[in-house]
PDB file of N, CA and C in Angstrom:
ATOM      1  N   MET A   1     124.372  -1.150  72.503  1.00  0.00           N
ATOM      2  CA  MET A   1     125.201  -0.305  72.821  1.00  0.00           C
ATOM      3  C   MET A   1     126.077  -1.360  72.040  1.00  0.00           C
ATOM      4  N   THR A   2     127.272  -1.249  71.268  1.00  0.00           N
ATOM      5  CA  THR A   2     128.630  -1.670  70.918  1.00  0.00           C
ATOM      6  C   THR A   2     129.646  -2.666  71.433  1.00  0.00           C
ATOM      7  N   ASN A   3     129.855  -3.397  71.608  1.00  0.00           N
ATOM      8  CA  ASN A   3     131.385  -3.575  72.105  1.00  0.00           C
ATOM      9  C   ASN A   3     131.920  -3.018  71.646  1.00  0.00           C
ATOM     10  N   THR A   4     132.210  -2.484  71.514  1.00  0.00           N
ATOM     11  CA  THR A   4     133.673  -1.000  70.788  1.00  0.00           C
ATOM     12  C   THR A   4     132.819   0.078  71.432  1.00  0.00           C
ATOM     13  N   GLU A   5     131.622   0.397  71.615  1.00  0.00           N
ATOM     14  CA  GLU A   5     131.337   1.497  72.082  1.00  0.00           C
ATOM     15  C   GLU A   5     131.742   1.476  73.809  1.00  0.00           C
ATOM     16  N   ILE A   6     130.877  -0.322  74.230  1.00  0.00           N
ATOM     17  CA  ILE A   6     131.805  -0.285  76.091  1.00  0.00           C
ATOM     18  C   ILE A   6     132.834  -0.624  75.914  1.00  0.00           C
ATOM     19  N   PHE A   7     134.174  -0.709  75.397  1.00  0.00           N
ATOM     20  CA  PHE A   7     135.385  -1.083  75.083  1.00  0.00           C
ATOM     21  C   PHE A   7     136.149   0.663  75.822  1.00  0.00           C
ATOM     22  N   GLY A   8     135.545   1.595  74.229  1.00  0.00           N
ATOM     23  CA  GLY A   8     135.686   2.607  74.046  1.00  0.00           C
ATOM     24  C   GLY A   8     135.086   3.416  76.238  1.00  0.00           C
ATOM     25  N   ILE A   9     133.845   3.502  76.116  1.00  0.00           N
ATOM     26  CA  ILE A   9     134.116   3.636  77.642  1.00  0.00           C
ATOM     27  C   ILE A   9     134.623   3.050  78.326  1.00  0.00           C
ATOM     28  N   LEU A  10     134.616   1.986  78.885  1.00  0.00           N
ATOM     29  CA  LEU A  10     135.876   0.701  80.088  1.00  0.00           C
ATOM     30  C   LEU A  10     137.018   1.793  79.788  1.00  0.00           C
ATOM     31  N   ILE A  11     137.455   1.930  78.777  1.00  0.00           N
ATOM     32  CA  ILE A  11     138.756   2.755  78.757  1.00  0.00           C
ATOM     33  C   ILE A  11     139.205   3.684  79.217  1.00  0.00           C
ATOM     34  N   LEU A  12     137.635   4.533  78.758  1.00  0.00           N
ATOM     35  CA  LEU A  12     138.153   5.962  79.344  1.00  0.00           C
ATOM     36  C   LEU A  12     137.276   6.623  81.195  1.00  0.00           C
ATOM     37  N   ALA A  13     136.796   5.534  81.187  1.00  0.00           N
ATOM     38  CA  ALA A  13     136.631   5.082  82.756  1.00  0.00           C
ATOM     39  C   ALA A  13     138.033   5.456  83.580  1.00  0.00           C
ATOM     40  N   PHE A  14     139.090   4.130  82.672  1.00  0.00           N
ATOM     41  CA  PHE A  14     140.106   3.686  83.017  1.00  0.00           C
ATOM     42  C   PHE A  14     140.708   4.953  83.708  1.00  0.00           C
ATOM     43  N   LEU A  15     141.349   5.347  82.187  1.00  0.00           N
ATOM     44  CA  LEU A  15     142.044   6.751  82.616  1.00  0.00           C
ATOM     45  C   LEU A  15     142.293   8.144  83.113  1.00  0.00           C
ATOM     46  N   ALA A  16     140.611   8.016  82.746  1.00  0.00           N
ATOM     47  CA  ALA A  16     140.295   9.483  83.892  1.00  0.00           C
ATOM     48  C   ALA A  16     140.278   8.856  85.476  1.00  0.00           C
ATOM     49  N   ILE A  17     139.749   7.583  85.798  1.00  0.00           N
ATOM     50  CA  ILE A  17     140.524   7.466  86.948  1.00  0.00           C
ATOM     51  C   ILE A  17     141.515   7.673  87.602  1.00  0.00           C
ATOM     52  N   THR A  18     142.309   6.734  86.911  1.00  0.00           N
ATOM     53  CA  THR A  18     144.039   6.888  86.479  1.00  0.00           C
ATOM     54  C   THR A  18     144.573   8.836  86.965  1.00  0.00           C
ATOM     55  N   PHE A  19     144.062   9.195  85.508  1.00  0.00           N
ATOM     56  CA  PHE A  19     144.454  11.220  85.889  1.00  0.00           C
ATOM     57  C   PHE A  19     143.905  12.087  86.718  1.00  0.00           C
ATOM     58  N   LEU A  20     142.694  11.514  87.427  1.00  0.00           N
ATOM     59  CA  LEU A  20     141.822  13.124  87.658  1.00  0.00           C
ATOM     60  C   LEU A  20     142.498  12.582  89.959  1.00  0.00           C
ATOM     61  N   GLN A  21     142.208  11.474  89.877  1.00  0.00           N
ATOM     62  CA  GLN A  21     142.887  10.336  90.969  1.00  0.00           C
ATOM     63  C   GLN A  21     144.699  11.300  91.455  1.00  0.00           C
ATOM     64  N   SER A  22     144.832  11.382  90.207  1.00  0.00           N
ATOM     65  CA  SER A  22     146.527  11.850  90.412  1.00  0.00           C
ATOM     66  C   SER A  22     146.452  13.327  90.065  1.00  0.00           C
ATOM     67  N   GLY A  23     146.233  13.667  89.816  1.00  0.00           N
ATOM     68  CA  GLY A  23     145.650  15.318  90.067  1.00  0.00           C
ATOM     69  C   GLY A  23     145.364  15.586  91.047  1.00  0.00           C
ATOM     70  N   TYR A  24     144.203  14.970  91.986  1.00  0.00           N
ATOM     71  CA  TYR A  24     143.873  15.155  92.879  1.00  0.00           C
ATOM     72  C   TYR A  24     144.578  15.196  94.083  1.00  0.00           C
ATOM     73  N   ASP A  25     145.864  14.110  94.193  1.00  0.00           N
ATOM     74  CA  ASP A  25     147.067  13.723  95.198  1.00  0.00           C
ATOM     75  C   ASP A  25     147.827  15.080  94.940  1.00  0.00           C
ATOM     76  N   LYS A  26     148.089  15.074  94.076  1.00  0.00           N
ATOM     77  CA  LYS A  26     149.114  16.648  93.574  1.00  0.00           C
ATOM     78  C   LYS A  26     149.007  17.797  94.259  1.00  0.00           C
ATOM     79  N   ILE A  27     147.642  18.046  94.164  1.00  0.00           N
ATOM     80  CA  ILE A  27     147.075  19.237  95.095  1.00  0.00           C
ATOM     81  C   ILE A  27     146.521  19.210  96.372  1.00  0.00           C
ATOM     82  N   ALA A  28     146.062  17.865  97.181  1.00  0.00           N
ATOM     83  CA  ALA A  28     145.946  17.318  98.156  1.00  0.00           C
ATOM     84  C   ALA A  28     147.211  17.509  98.779  1.00  0.00           C
ATOM     85  N   ASP A  29     147.875  17.811  98.274  1.00  0.00           N
ATOM     86  CA  ASP A  29     149.954  17.101  98.958  1.00  0.00           C
ATOM     87  C   ASP A  29     150.229  17.378  98.458  1.00  0.00           C
ATOM     88  N   TRP A  30     151.060  19.256  97.934  1.00  0.00           N
ATOM     89  CA  TRP A  30     151.191  19.350  96.710  1.00  0.00           C
ATOM     90  C   TRP A  30     152.689  19.560  97.567  1.00  0.00           C
ATOM     91  N   LYS A  31     153.053  20.843  98.984  1.00  0.00           N
ATOM     92  CA  LYS A  31     153.946  20.149  99.390  1.00  0.00           C
ATOM     93  C   LYS A  31     154.758  19.034  99.499  1.00  0.00           C
ATOM     94  N   GLY A  32     153.842  17.695 100.086  1.00  0.00           N
ATOM     95  CA  GLY A  32     154.662  16.181 100.020  1.00  0.00           C
ATOM     96  C   GLY A  32     155.621  16.578  98.573  1.00  0.00           C
ATOM     97  N   ASN A  33     154.633  16.634  97.837  1.00  0.00           N
ATOM     98  CA  ASN A  33     155.160  15.888  96.363  1.00  0.00           C
ATOM     99  C   ASN A  33     156.244  16.483  95.531  1.00  0.00           C
ATOM    100  N   VAL A  34     156.095  18.052  96.028  1.00  0.00           N
ATOM    101  CA  VAL A  34     157.224  18.696  95.601  1.00  0.00           C
ATOM    102  C   VAL A  34     158.231  18.223  96.348  1.00  0.00           C
ATOM    103  N   GLU A  35     158.415  18.569  97.612  1.00  0.00           N
ATOM    104  CA  GLU A  35     159.556  17.796  98.041  1.00  0.00           C
ATOM    105  C   GLU A  35     160.189  16.978  97.848  1.00  0.00           C
ATOM    106  N   TRP A  36     159.469  15.560  97.354  1.00  0.00           N
ATOM    107  CA  TRP A  36     159.898  14.674  97.588  1.00  0.00           C
ATOM    108  C   TRP A  36     160.257  14.195  95.279  1.00  0.00           C
ATOM    109  N   LEU A  37     159.517  14.802  95.296  1.00  0.00           N
ATOM    110  CA  LEU A  37     160.099  15.121  93.919  1.00  0.00           C
ATOM    111  C   LEU A  37     161.553  16.124  93.383  1.00  0.00           C
ATOM    112  N   LYS A  38     161.368  16.895  94.518  1.00  0.00           N
ATOM    113  CA  LYS A  38     162.673  17.399  94.603  1.00  0.00           C
ATOM    114  C   LYS A  38     164.097  16.563  94.641  1.00  0.00           C
ATOM    115  N   GLY A  39     163.994  15.862  95.581  1.00  0.00           N
ATOM    116  CA  GLY A  39     164.799  15.128  95.700  1.00  0.00           C
ATOM    117  C   GLY A  39     165.648  13.425  94.732  1.00  0.00           C
ATOM    118  N   HIS A  40     163.775  13.635  94.000  1.00  0.00           N
ATOM    119  CA  HIS A  40     164.030  12.565  93.076  1.00  0.00           C
ATOM    120  C   HIS A  40     165.281  13.066  91.847  1.00  0.00           C
ATOM    121  N   PHE A  41     164.549  14.156  91.459  1.00  0.00           N
ATOM    122  CA  PHE A  41     164.800  14.833  90.550  1.00  0.00           C
ATOM    123  C   PHE A  41     166.422  15.834  90.439  1.00  0.00           C
ATOM    124  N   SER A  42     167.254  15.378  91.867  1.00  0.00           N
ATOM    125  CA  SER A  42     167.939  16.349  92.240  1.00  0.00           C
ATOM    126  C   SER A  42     169.361  16.373  92.130  1.00  0.00           C
ATOM    127  N   GLN A  43     169.676  15.260  90.797  1.00  0.00           N
ATOM    128  CA  GLN A  43     170.329  15.100  89.409  1.00  0.00           C
ATOM    129  C   GLN A  43     170.097  15.351  88.633  1.00  0.00           C
ATOM    130  N   THR A  44     169.325  16.030  88.354  1.00  0.00           N
ATOM    131  CA  THR A  44     168.836  15.754  86.887  1.00  0.00           C
ATOM    132  C   THR A  44     168.862  17.872  86.346  1.00  0.00           C
ATOM    133  N   PHE A  45     168.860  18.556  84.647  1.00  0.00           N
ATOM    134  CA  PHE A  45     168.523  19.207  85.037  1.00  0.00           C
ATOM    135  C   PHE A  45     167.830  20.272  85.353  1.00  0.00           C
ATOM    136  N   ILE A  46     166.657  19.006  85.764  1.00  0.00           N
ATOM    137  CA  ILE A  46     165.226  20.621  86.334  1.00  0.00           C
ATOM    138  C   ILE A  46     165.560  20.038  87.512  1.00  0.00           C
ATOM    139  N   LYS A  47     166.109  20.315  88.554  1.00  0.00           N
ATOM    140  CA  LYS A  47     166.308  20.269  90.276  1.00  0.00           C
ATOM    141  C   LYS A  47     165.404  21.437  90.418  1.00  0.00           C
ATOM    142  N   ASN A  48     165.668  22.683  89.304  1.00  0.00           N
ATOM    143  CA  ASN A  48     165.542  24.174  89.828  1.00  0.00           C
ATOM    144  C   ASN A  48     163.888  23.917  89.105  1.00  0.00           C
ATOM    145  N   ASN A  49     163.410  23.197  89.055  1.00  0.00           N
ATOM    146  CA  ASN A  49     162.171  23.705  88.378  1.00  0.00           C
ATOM    147  C   ASN A  49     161.142  22.518  88.662  1.00  0.00           C
ATOM    148  N   VAL A  50     161.336  22.281  89.819  1.00  0.00           N
ATOM    149  CA  VAL A  50     160.593  21.167  89.797  1.00  0.00           C
ATOM    150  C   VAL A  50     158.797  21.337  90.245  1.00  0.00           C
ATOM    151  N   PRO A  51     158.493  22.685  90.923  1.00  0.00           N
ATOM    152  CA  PRO A  51     156.858  22.777  91.039  1.00  0.00           C
ATOM    153  C   PRO A  51     156.810  23.181  89.439  1.00  0.00           C
ATOM    154  N   ALA A  52     157.126  23.951  88.657  1.00  0.00           N
ATOM    155  CA  ALA A  52     156.638  24.226  87.265  1.00  0.00           C
ATOM    156  C   ALA A  52     156.751  23.023  86.554  1.00  0.00           C
ATOM    157  N   ALA A  53     157.254  21.874  86.708  1.00  0.00           N
ATOM    158  CA  ALA A  53     156.877  20.905  86.509  1.00  0.00           C
ATOM    159  C   ALA A  53     156.156  20.717  86.818  1.00  0.00           C
ATOM    160  N   LEU A  54     156.001  20.213  87.924  1.00  0.00           N
ATOM    161  CA  LEU A  54     155.090  19.489  88.821  1.00  0.00           C
ATOM    162  C   LEU A  54     153.594  20.294  88.213  1.00  0.00           C
ATOM    163  N   GLY A  55     153.195  21.239  88.020  1.00  0.00           N
ATOM    164  CA  GLY A  55     152.616  22.371  87.822  1.00  0.00           C
ATOM    165  C   GLY A  55     152.220  21.270  86.694  1.00  0.00           C
ATOM    166  N   VAL A  56     152.538  21.615  85.328  1.00  0.00           N
ATOM    167  CA  VAL A  56     152.210  21.114  84.110  1.00  0.00           C
ATOM    168  C   VAL A  56     151.467  20.029  83.982  1.00  0.00           C
ATOM    169  N   VAL A  57     152.506  18.774  85.217  1.00  0.00           N
ATOM    170  CA  VAL A  57     152.093  17.615  84.967  1.00  0.00           C
ATOM    171  C   VAL A  57     150.360  18.087  85.974  1.00  0.00           C
ATOM    172  N   LEU A  58     150.797  17.865  86.165  1.00  0.00           N
ATOM    173  CA  LEU A  58     148.916  18.315  87.229  1.00  0.00           C
ATOM    174  C   LEU A  58     148.099  18.784  86.039  1.00  0.00           C
ATOM    175  N   ILE A  59     148.490  20.026  85.109  1.00  0.00           N
ATOM    176  CA  ILE A  59     147.269  20.681  84.014  1.00  0.00           C
ATOM    177  C   ILE A  59     147.520  19.487  82.986  1.00  0.00           C
ATOM    178  N   THR A  60     147.873  18.909  82.389  1.00  0.00           N
ATOM    179  CA  THR A  60     148.011  17.776  81.735  1.00  0.00           C
ATOM    180  C   THR A  60     146.984  16.789  82.450  1.00  0.00           C
ATOM    181  N   GLU A  61     147.205  16.632  83.288  1.00  0.00           N
ATOM    182  CA  GLU A  61     146.266  15.238  83.936  1.00  0.00           C
ATOM    183  C   GLU A  61     145.394  15.482  84.132  1.00  0.00           C
ATOM    184  N   VAL A  62     144.798  16.937  84.103  1.00  0.00           N
ATOM    185  CA  VAL A  62     143.110  17.372  84.599  1.00  0.00           C
ATOM    186  C   VAL A  62     142.312  17.436  83.439  1.00  0.00           C
ATOM    187  N   ILE A  63     143.821  17.845  82.720  1.00  0.00           N
ATOM    188  CA  ILE A  63     142.370  18.100  81.522  1.00  0.00           C
ATOM    189  C   ILE A  63     142.839  16.781  80.617  1.00  0.00           C
ATOM    190  N   ALA A  64     143.234  15.474  80.939  1.00  0.00           N
ATOM    191  CA  ALA A  64     143.614  14.474  80.401  1.00  0.00           C
ATOM    192  C   ALA A  64     142.017  13.502  80.914  1.00  0.00           C
ATOM    193  N   GLY A  65     142.215  13.937  81.899  1.00  0.00           N
ATOM    194  CA  GLY A  65     140.410  13.111  82.922  1.00  0.00           C
ATOM    195  C   GLY A  65     139.890  13.381  82.777  1.00  0.00           C
ATOM    196  N   ALA A  66     139.625  14.953  82.469  1.00  0.00           N
ATOM    197  CA  ALA A  66     138.306  15.774  82.403  1.00  0.00           C
ATOM    198  C   ALA A  66     137.884  15.700  80.665  1.00  0.00           C
ATOM    199  N   LEU A  67     138.522  15.717  80.122  1.00  0.00           N
ATOM    200  CA  LEU A  67     138.263  14.964  78.477  1.00  0.00           C
ATOM    201  C   LEU A  67     137.879  13.263  78.230  1.00  0.00           C
ATOM    202  N   CYS A  68     138.253  12.516  79.021  1.00  0.00           N
ATOM    203  CA  CYS A  68     138.414  11.026  79.221  1.00  0.00           C
ATOM    204  C   CYS A  68     136.642  11.007  79.663  1.00  0.00           C
ATOM    205  N   VAL A  69     136.839  12.113  80.753  1.00  0.00           N
ATOM    206  CA  VAL A  69     134.676  11.806  81.700  1.00  0.00           C
ATOM    207  C   VAL A  69     134.073  12.462  80.223  1.00  0.00           C
ATOM    208  N   ALA A  70     134.213  13.284  79.719  1.00  0.00           N
ATOM    209  CA  ALA A  70     133.381  13.884  79.200  1.00  0.00           C
ATOM    210  C   ALA A  70     133.202  13.158  77.932  1.00  0.00           C
ATOM    211  N   GLY A  71     134.344  12.252  77.542  1.00  0.00           N
ATOM    212  CA  GLY A  71     133.997  11.471  76.316  1.00  0.00           C
ATOM    213  C   GLY A  71     133.855   9.727  76.288  1.00  0.00           C
ATOM    214  N   ALA A  72     133.440   9.354  77.852  1.00  0.00           N
ATOM    215  CA  ALA A  72     132.687   8.840  78.272  1.00  0.00           C
ATOM    216  C   ALA A  72     131.314   8.947  77.602  1.00  0.00           C
ATOM    217  N   ILE A  73     130.892  10.012  78.726  1.00  0.00           N
ATOM    218  CA  ILE A  73     129.849  10.323  78.905  1.00  0.00           C
ATOM    219  C   ILE A  73     128.965  10.658  77.119  1.00  0.00           C
ATOM    220  N   GLN A  74     129.963  11.176  76.128  1.00  0.00           N
ATOM    221  CA  GLN A  74     129.673  11.425  74.349  1.00  0.00           C
ATOM    222  C   GLN A  74     129.655  10.229  74.601  1.00  0.00           C
ATOM    223  N   LEU A  75     130.264   9.308  74.506  1.00  0.00           N
ATOM    224  CA  LEU A  75     130.118   8.052  74.121  1.00  0.00           C
ATOM    225  C   LEU A  75     128.801   6.925  74.019  1.00  0.00           C
ATOM    226  N   PHE A  76     128.317   7.087  75.547  1.00  0.00           N
ATOM    227  CA  PHE A  76     127.424   6.434  75.881  1.00  0.00           C
ATOM    228  C   PHE A  76     126.275   7.280  75.618  1.00  0.00           C
ATOM    229  N   ALA A  77     126.412   9.054  75.731  1.00  0.00           N
ATOM    230  CA  ALA A  77     124.641   9.786  75.161  1.00  0.00           C
ATOM    231  C   ALA A  77     124.769   9.245  73.166  1.00  0.00           C
ATOM    232  N   ASN A  78     125.496   9.018  72.635  1.00  0.00           N
ATOM    233  CA  ASN A  78     125.686   9.054  71.551  1.00  0.00           C
ATOM    234  C   ASN A  78     126.016   8.402  70.290  1.00  0.00           C
ATOM    235  N   GLY A  79     127.430   7.386  70.775  1.00  0.00           N
ATOM    236  CA  GLY A  79     127.677   7.271  69.921  1.00  0.00           C
ATOM    237  C   GLY A  79     129.169   7.453  69.612  1.00  0.00           C
ATOM    238  N   SER A  80     129.424   8.886  69.971  1.00  0.00           N
ATOM    239  CA  SER A  80     130.768   9.440  69.212  1.00  0.00           C
ATOM    240  C   SER A  80     131.966   9.695  70.104  1.00  0.00           C
ATOM    241  N   THR A  81     132.712   9.831  69.423  1.00  0.00           N
ATOM    242  CA  THR A  81     133.957   9.319  69.903  1.00  0.00           C
ATOM    243  C   THR A  81     135.322  10.630  69.868  1.00  0.00           C
ATOM    244  N   VAL A  82     134.707  12.014  69.894  1.00  0.00           N
ATOM    245  CA  VAL A  82     135.237  12.721  69.507  1.00  0.00           C
ATOM    246  C   VAL A  82     136.072  13.245  70.130  1.00  0.00           C
ATOM    247  N   ILE A  83     135.386  13.238  72.132  1.00  0.00           N
ATOM    248  CA  ILE A  83     135.278  14.211  72.905  1.00  0.00           C
ATOM    249  C   ILE A  83     136.818  12.368  73.534  1.00  0.00           C
ATOM    250  N   GLY A  84     136.376  12.019  73.450  1.00  0.00           N
ATOM    251  CA  GLY A  84     137.587  10.658  73.795  1.00  0.00           C
ATOM    252  C   GLY A  84     138.362  10.009  73.236  1.00  0.00           C
ATOM    253  N   HIS A  85     138.745  10.784  72.182  1.00  0.00           N
ATOM    254  CA  HIS A  85     139.826  10.960  70.960  1.00  0.00           C
ATOM    255  C   HIS A  85     140.882  11.976  71.502  1.00  0.00           C
ATOM    256  N   TYR A  86     140.553  12.758  71.457  1.00  0.00           N
ATOM    257  CA  TYR A  86     140.886  13.901  72.641  1.00  0.00           C
ATOM    258  C   TYR A  86     141.479  13.772  73.815  1.00  0.00           C
ATOM    259  N   GLY A  87     140.984  13.189  74.541  1.00  0.00           N
ATOM    260  CA  GLY A  87     141.711  12.349  76.115  1.00  0.00           C
ATOM    261  C   GLY A  87     142.020  11.369  75.681  1.00  0.00           C
ATOM    262  N   ALA A  88     142.075  10.620  75.170  1.00  0.00           N
ATOM    263  CA  ALA A  88     143.092   9.504  74.542  1.00  0.00           C
ATOM    264  C   ALA A  88     144.519   9.501  74.331  1.00  0.00           C
ATOM    265  N   VAL A  89     144.368  10.695  73.857  1.00  0.00           N
ATOM    266  CA  VAL A  89     145.993  11.639  73.183  1.00  0.00           C
ATOM    267  C   VAL A  89     145.901  11.887  73.979  1.00  0.00           C
ATOM    268  N   MET A  90     145.014  13.104  75.184  1.00  0.00           N
ATOM    269  CA  MET A  90     146.031  14.213  75.376  1.00  0.00           C
ATOM    270  C   MET A  90     146.142  13.076  77.311  1.00  0.00           C
ATOM    271  N   SER A  91     145.831  11.714  77.238  1.00  0.00           N
ATOM    272  CA  SER A  91     146.205  10.719  78.197  1.00  0.00           C
ATOM    273  C   SER A  91     148.343  10.249  77.685  1.00  0.00           C
ATOM    274  N   CYS A  92     147.883  10.769  76.434  1.00  0.00           N
ATOM    275  CA  CYS A  92     149.041   9.830  75.848  1.00  0.00           C
ATOM    276  C   CYS A  92     150.574  11.033  75.823  1.00  0.00           C
ATOM    277  N   ILE A  93     150.204  11.924  75.787  1.00  0.00           N
ATOM    278  CA  ILE A  93     150.950  13.320  76.020  1.00  0.00           C
ATOM    279  C   ILE A  93     151.029  13.602  77.471  1.00  0.00           C
ATOM    280  N   THR A  94     150.099  13.141  78.467  1.00  0.00           N
ATOM    281  CA  THR A  94     150.360  13.400  79.704  1.00  0.00           C
ATOM    282  C   THR A  94     151.415  12.081  80.409  1.00  0.00           C
ATOM    283  N   LEU A  95     151.690  10.803  79.881  1.00  0.00           N
ATOM    284  CA  LEU A  95     152.000   9.915  80.223  1.00  0.00           C
ATOM    285  C   LEU A  95     153.442   9.869  79.308  1.00  0.00           C
ATOM    286  N   LEU A  96     153.722  10.411  78.609  1.00  0.00           N
ATOM    287  CA  LEU A  96     155.136  10.791  77.656  1.00  0.00           C
ATOM    288  C   LEU A  96     156.107  11.595  78.176  1.00  0.00           C
ATOM    289  N   PHE A  97     155.096  12.549  79.463  1.00  0.00           N
ATOM    290  CA  PHE A  97     156.229  13.665  80.402  1.00  0.00           C
ATOM    291  C   PHE A  97     156.337  12.947  80.748  1.00  0.00           C
ATOM    292  N   LEU A  98     155.900  11.861  81.885  1.00  0.00           N
ATOM    293  CA  LEU A  98     156.124  11.302  83.160  1.00  0.00           C
ATOM    294  C   LEU A  98     157.506  10.496  82.912  1.00  0.00           C
ATOM    295  N   LEU A  99     156.940   9.936  81.126  1.00  0.00           N
ATOM    296  CA  LEU A  99     158.143   9.021  81.158  1.00  0.00           C
ATOM    297  C   LEU A  99     159.156   9.359  80.751  1.00  0.00           C
ATOM    298  N   PHE A 100     159.357  10.483  80.475  1.00  0.00           N
ATOM    299  CA  PHE A 100     160.324  11.579  80.291  1.00  0.00           C
ATOM    300  C   PHE A 100     161.361  11.685  81.915  1.00  0.00           C
ATOM    301  N   GLY A 101     160.551  12.344  83.011  1.00  0.00           N
ATOM    302  CA  GLY A 101     161.039  12.316  83.811  1.00  0.00           C
ATOM    303  C   GLY A 101     161.232  11.268  85.018  1.00  0.00           C
ATOM    304  N   GLN A 102     160.668  10.046  84.735  1.00  0.00           N
ATOM    305  CA  GLN A 102     161.502   8.973  85.239  1.00  0.00           C
ATOM    306  C   GLN A 102     162.844   8.637  84.402  1.00  0.00           C
ATOM    307  N   ARG A 103     162.796   9.079  83.133  1.00  0.00           N
ATOM    308  CA  ARG A 103     164.079   8.705  82.422  1.00  0.00           C
ATOM    309  C   ARG A 103     165.111   9.543  82.255  1.00  0.00           C
ATOM    310  N   ILE A 104     164.391  11.340  82.997  1.00  0.00           N
ATOM    311  CA  ILE A 104     166.126  11.264  83.134  1.00  0.00           C
ATOM    312  C   ILE A 104     166.596  11.454  84.893  1.00  0.00           C
ATOM    313  N   ALA A 105     165.603  10.872  85.708  1.00  0.00           N
ATOM    314  CA  ALA A 105     165.989  10.852  86.425  1.00  0.00           C
ATOM    315  C   ALA A 105     166.703   9.293  87.023  1.00  0.00           C
ATOM    316  N   LYS A 106     166.569   8.685  86.187  1.00  0.00           N
ATOM    317  CA  LYS A 106     167.113   7.645  85.324  1.00  0.00           C
ATOM    318  C   LYS A 106     166.320   6.804  87.029  1.00  0.00           C
ATOM    319  N   ASP A 107     164.927   6.568  87.245  1.00  0.00           N
ATOM    320  CA  ASP A 107     164.420   5.573  87.457  1.00  0.00           C
ATOM    321  C   ASP A 107     163.352   4.822  86.623  1.00  0.00           C
ATOM    322  N   TYR A 108     164.738   3.687  86.054  1.00  0.00           N
ATOM    323  CA  TYR A 108     164.263   2.913  85.176  1.00  0.00           C
ATOM    324  C   TYR A 108     162.850   1.824  85.649  1.00  0.00           C
ATOM    325  N   ASP A 109     162.765   1.242  86.925  1.00  0.00           N
ATOM    326  CA  ASP A 109     161.388   0.554  87.431  1.00  0.00           C
ATOM    327  C   ASP A 109     160.566   1.694  87.447  1.00  0.00           C
ATOM    328  N   GLY A 110     160.187   3.071  88.123  1.00  0.00           N
ATOM    329  CA  GLY A 110     159.123   4.212  87.052  1.00  0.00           C
ATOM    330  C   GLY A 110     158.676   4.286  86.182  1.00  0.00           C
ATOM    331  N   ALA A 111     160.384   4.393  85.971  1.00  0.00           N
ATOM    332  CA  ALA A 111     159.892   4.420  83.487  1.00  0.00           C
ATOM    333  C   ALA A 111     159.059   3.729  83.075  1.00  0.00           C
ATOM    334  N   ARG A 112     159.540   1.931  83.643  1.00  0.00           N
ATOM    335  CA  ARG A 112     158.623   0.981  83.256  1.00  0.00           C
ATOM    336  C   ARG A 112     157.472   0.791  83.133  1.00  0.00           C
ATOM    337  N   THR A 113     156.774   0.826  84.480  1.00  0.00           N
ATOM    338  CA  THR A 113     155.252   1.547  85.462  1.00  0.00           C
ATOM    339  C   THR A 113     154.637   2.209  84.147  1.00  0.00           C
ATOM    340  N   ILE A 114     155.441   3.012  84.159  1.00  0.00           N
ATOM    341  CA  ILE A 114     154.701   4.531  83.212  1.00  0.00           C
ATOM    342  C   ILE A 114     153.353   3.653  81.841  1.00  0.00           C
ATOM    343  N   VAL A 115     154.546   2.066  81.282  1.00  0.00           N
ATOM    344  CA  VAL A 115     154.762   1.898  80.222  1.00  0.00           C
ATOM    345  C   VAL A 115     153.414   1.330  79.958  1.00  0.00           C
ATOM    346  N   ILE A 116     152.635   0.740  81.856  1.00  0.00           N
ATOM    347  CA  ILE A 116     151.802  -0.367  81.960  1.00  0.00           C
ATOM    348  C   ILE A 116     150.373   0.558  81.965  1.00  0.00           C
ATOM    349  N   TYR A 117     150.629   2.050  81.471  1.00  0.00           N
ATOM    350  CA  TYR A 117     149.725   2.695  81.807  1.00  0.00           C
ATOM    351  C   TYR A 117     149.542   2.862  80.038  1.00  0.00           C
ATOM    352  N   PHE A 118     150.833   3.879  79.801  1.00  0.00           N
ATOM    353  CA  PHE A 118     150.835   3.766  78.257  1.00  0.00           C
ATOM    354  C   PHE A 118     149.838   2.848  77.028  1.00  0.00           C
ATOM    355  N   ILE A 119     149.863   1.234  77.202  1.00  0.00           N
ATOM    356  CA  ILE A 119     149.064   0.461  76.433  1.00  0.00           C
ATOM    357  C   ILE A 119     147.690   0.585  76.536  1.00  0.00           C
ATOM    358  N   PRO A 120     147.381   0.732  77.745  1.00  0.00           N
ATOM    359  CA  PRO A 120     145.769   1.354  77.062  1.00  0.00           C
ATOM    360  C   PRO A 120     145.028   2.477  76.562  1.00  0.00           C
ATOM    361  N   ALA A 121     145.966   3.697  77.113  1.00  0.00           N
ATOM    362  CA  ALA A 121     145.800   4.945  76.401  1.00  0.00           C
ATOM    363  C   ALA A 121     146.292   5.095  74.713  1.00  0.00           C
ATOM    364  N   ILE A 122     147.191   4.345  74.700  1.00  0.00           N
ATOM    365  CA  ILE A 122     147.752   4.002  73.050  1.00  0.00           C
ATOM    366  C   ILE A 122     146.578   3.198  72.484  1.00  0.00           C
ATOM    367  N   LEU A 123     146.091   1.783  72.960  1.00  0.00           N
ATOM    368  CA  LEU A 123     144.977   1.840  73.008  1.00  0.00           C
ATOM    369  C   LEU A 123     143.843   2.337  72.280  1.00  0.00           C
ATOM    370  N   ALA A 124     143.600   3.309  73.658  1.00  0.00           N
ATOM    371  CA  ALA A 124     142.426   4.098  73.130  1.00  0.00           C
ATOM    372  C   ALA A 124     142.416   5.060  71.853  1.00  0.00           C
ATOM    373  N   VAL A 125     143.626   5.872  71.988  1.00  0.00           N
ATOM    374  CA  VAL A 125     143.495   6.516  70.664  1.00  0.00           C
ATOM    375  C   VAL A 125     143.358   5.664  69.454  1.00  0.00           C
ATOM    376  N   TYR A 126     143.572   4.734  69.126  1.00  0.00           N
ATOM    377  CA  TYR A 126     143.861   3.825  68.386  1.00  0.00           C
ATOM    378  C   TYR A 126     142.654   3.266  68.144  1.00  0.00           C
ATOM    379  N   TRP A 127     141.470   2.983  69.105  1.00  0.00           N
ATOM    380  CA  TRP A 127     139.995   2.450  69.032  1.00  0.00           C
ATOM    381  C   TRP A 127     138.853   3.806  68.836  1.00  0.00           C
ATOM    382  N   LEU A 128     139.000   4.741  68.886  1.00  0.00           N
ATOM    383  CA  LEU A 128     138.257   5.887  69.472  1.00  0.00           C
ATOM    384  C   LEU A 128     139.017   6.835  68.050  1.00  0.00           C
TER     385      LEU A 128
END
């Protein structure tokens, strides 16, 4: 196994953990998340669409996480990066949705935090 393959597996594992845990949290405490987000977005144009927006984010997180798991397995099994690349791209798309939400809510500290996750995700797109 090459260093590039090890790097790919580790970064895909990072992204998988990030998004699958986040998706699980949204499912396990849907009502609490919706209530908190209604307050967070109360002064924005999505204030009346919080459950739908949360559902879109949930779907993209689960897809990104599942693709990253499958990609890590594929990379380990045969060295192919195809699925992992799709997982990394989906991770970036999900993070852009989250960044957009934080910016429209004027939560600039939250937006800054998203960038910390975006850096390894965009590196994964490049490397895979």
